[in-house]
Amino acid sequence: MATEKILVVDDDTNICELLRLYLEKEGY
């Protein structure tokens, strides 16, 4: 698990979910 953290702030839950999937795929 990566020690870096990324904070995503967006009012669109679809965008947040999409970003979460991409970031998890990359190991974040």
N, C-alpha and C. Protein backbone atom coordinates (compact mmCIF):
# COMPACT_ATOMS: atom_id res chain seq x y z
N MET A 1 0.85 -1.19 0.00
CA MET A 1 0.00 0.00 0.00
C MET A 1 0.88 1.24 0.00
N ALA A 2 0.54 2.21 -0.79
CA ALA A 2 1.33 3.43 -0.89
C ALA A 2 1.14 4.29 0.35
N THR A 3 2.18 4.99 0.73
CA THR A 3 2.08 5.89 1.88
C THR A 3 1.57 7.26 1.48
N GLU A 4 1.61 7.57 0.19
CA GLU A 4 1.11 8.85 -0.28
C GLU A 4 -0.41 8.87 -0.20
N LYS A 5 -0.95 10.06 0.01
CA LYS A 5 -2.40 10.21 0.05
C LYS A 5 -2.81 11.27 -0.95
N ILE A 6 -3.95 11.04 -1.58
CA ILE A 6 -4.51 12.01 -2.52
C ILE A 6 -5.91 12.35 -2.03
N LEU A 7 -6.18 13.63 -1.89
CA LEU A 7 -7.50 14.09 -1.48
C LEU A 7 -8.23 14.60 -2.71
N VAL A 8 -9.37 14.00 -2.99
CA VAL A 8 -10.20 14.42 -4.12
C VAL A 8 -11.48 15.03 -3.56
N VAL A 9 -11.73 16.28 -3.92
CA VAL A 9 -12.94 16.97 -3.46
C VAL A 9 -13.76 17.33 -4.69
N ASP A 10 -14.93 16.74 -4.80
CA ASP A 10 -15.81 17.02 -5.93
C ASP A 10 -17.23 16.70 -5.50
N ASP A 11 -18.18 17.47 -5.96
CA ASP A 11 -19.57 17.23 -5.57
C ASP A 11 -20.26 16.21 -6.47
N ASP A 12 -19.55 15.71 -7.47
CA ASP A 12 -20.10 14.69 -8.36
C ASP A 12 -19.59 13.33 -7.92
N THR A 13 -20.46 12.51 -7.37
CA THR A 13 -20.03 11.21 -6.85
C THR A 13 -19.53 10.29 -7.95
N ASN A 14 -20.05 10.44 -9.18
CA ASN A 14 -19.58 9.59 -10.28
C ASN A 14 -18.12 9.87 -10.60
N ILE A 15 -17.73 11.14 -10.60
CA ILE A 15 -16.34 11.51 -10.86
C ILE A 15 -15.45 10.97 -9.74
N CYS A 16 -15.88 11.12 -8.51
CA CYS A 16 -15.09 10.62 -7.37
C CYS A 16 -14.91 9.11 -7.47
N GLU A 17 -15.94 8.40 -7.81
CA GLU A 17 -15.85 6.94 -7.92
C GLU A 17 -14.92 6.55 -9.06
N LEU A 18 -15.01 7.23 -10.18
CA LEU A 18 -14.13 6.95 -11.31
C LEU A 18 -12.67 7.20 -10.95
N LEU A 19 -12.40 8.33 -10.30
CA LEU A 19 -11.03 8.63 -9.87
C LEU A 19 -10.53 7.59 -8.87
N ARG A 20 -11.41 7.16 -7.96
CA ARG A 20 -11.02 6.15 -6.97
C ARG A 20 -10.60 4.86 -7.66
N LEU A 21 -11.34 4.45 -8.67
CA LEU A 21 -11.01 3.22 -9.38
C LEU A 21 -9.67 3.33 -10.09
N TYR A 22 -9.44 4.46 -10.76
CA TYR A 22 -8.16 4.67 -11.45
C TYR A 22 -7.00 4.69 -10.47
N LEU A 23 -7.18 5.41 -9.36
CA LEU A 23 -6.09 5.53 -8.39
C LEU A 23 -5.80 4.21 -7.70
N GLU A 24 -6.83 3.44 -7.38
CA GLU A 24 -6.61 2.12 -6.77
C GLU A 24 -5.88 1.20 -7.75
N LYS A 25 -6.21 1.30 -9.02
CA LYS A 25 -5.55 0.49 -10.04
C LYS A 25 -4.06 0.82 -10.10
N GLU A 26 -3.72 2.11 -9.88
CA GLU A 26 -2.33 2.55 -9.91
C GLU A 26 -1.61 2.31 -8.59
N GLY A 27 -2.33 1.83 -7.57
CA GLY A 27 -1.69 1.49 -6.31
C GLY A 27 -1.81 2.51 -5.20
N TYR A 28 -2.70 3.49 -5.36
CA TYR A 28 -2.90 4.47 -4.30
C TYR A 28 -4.02 4.06 -3.39
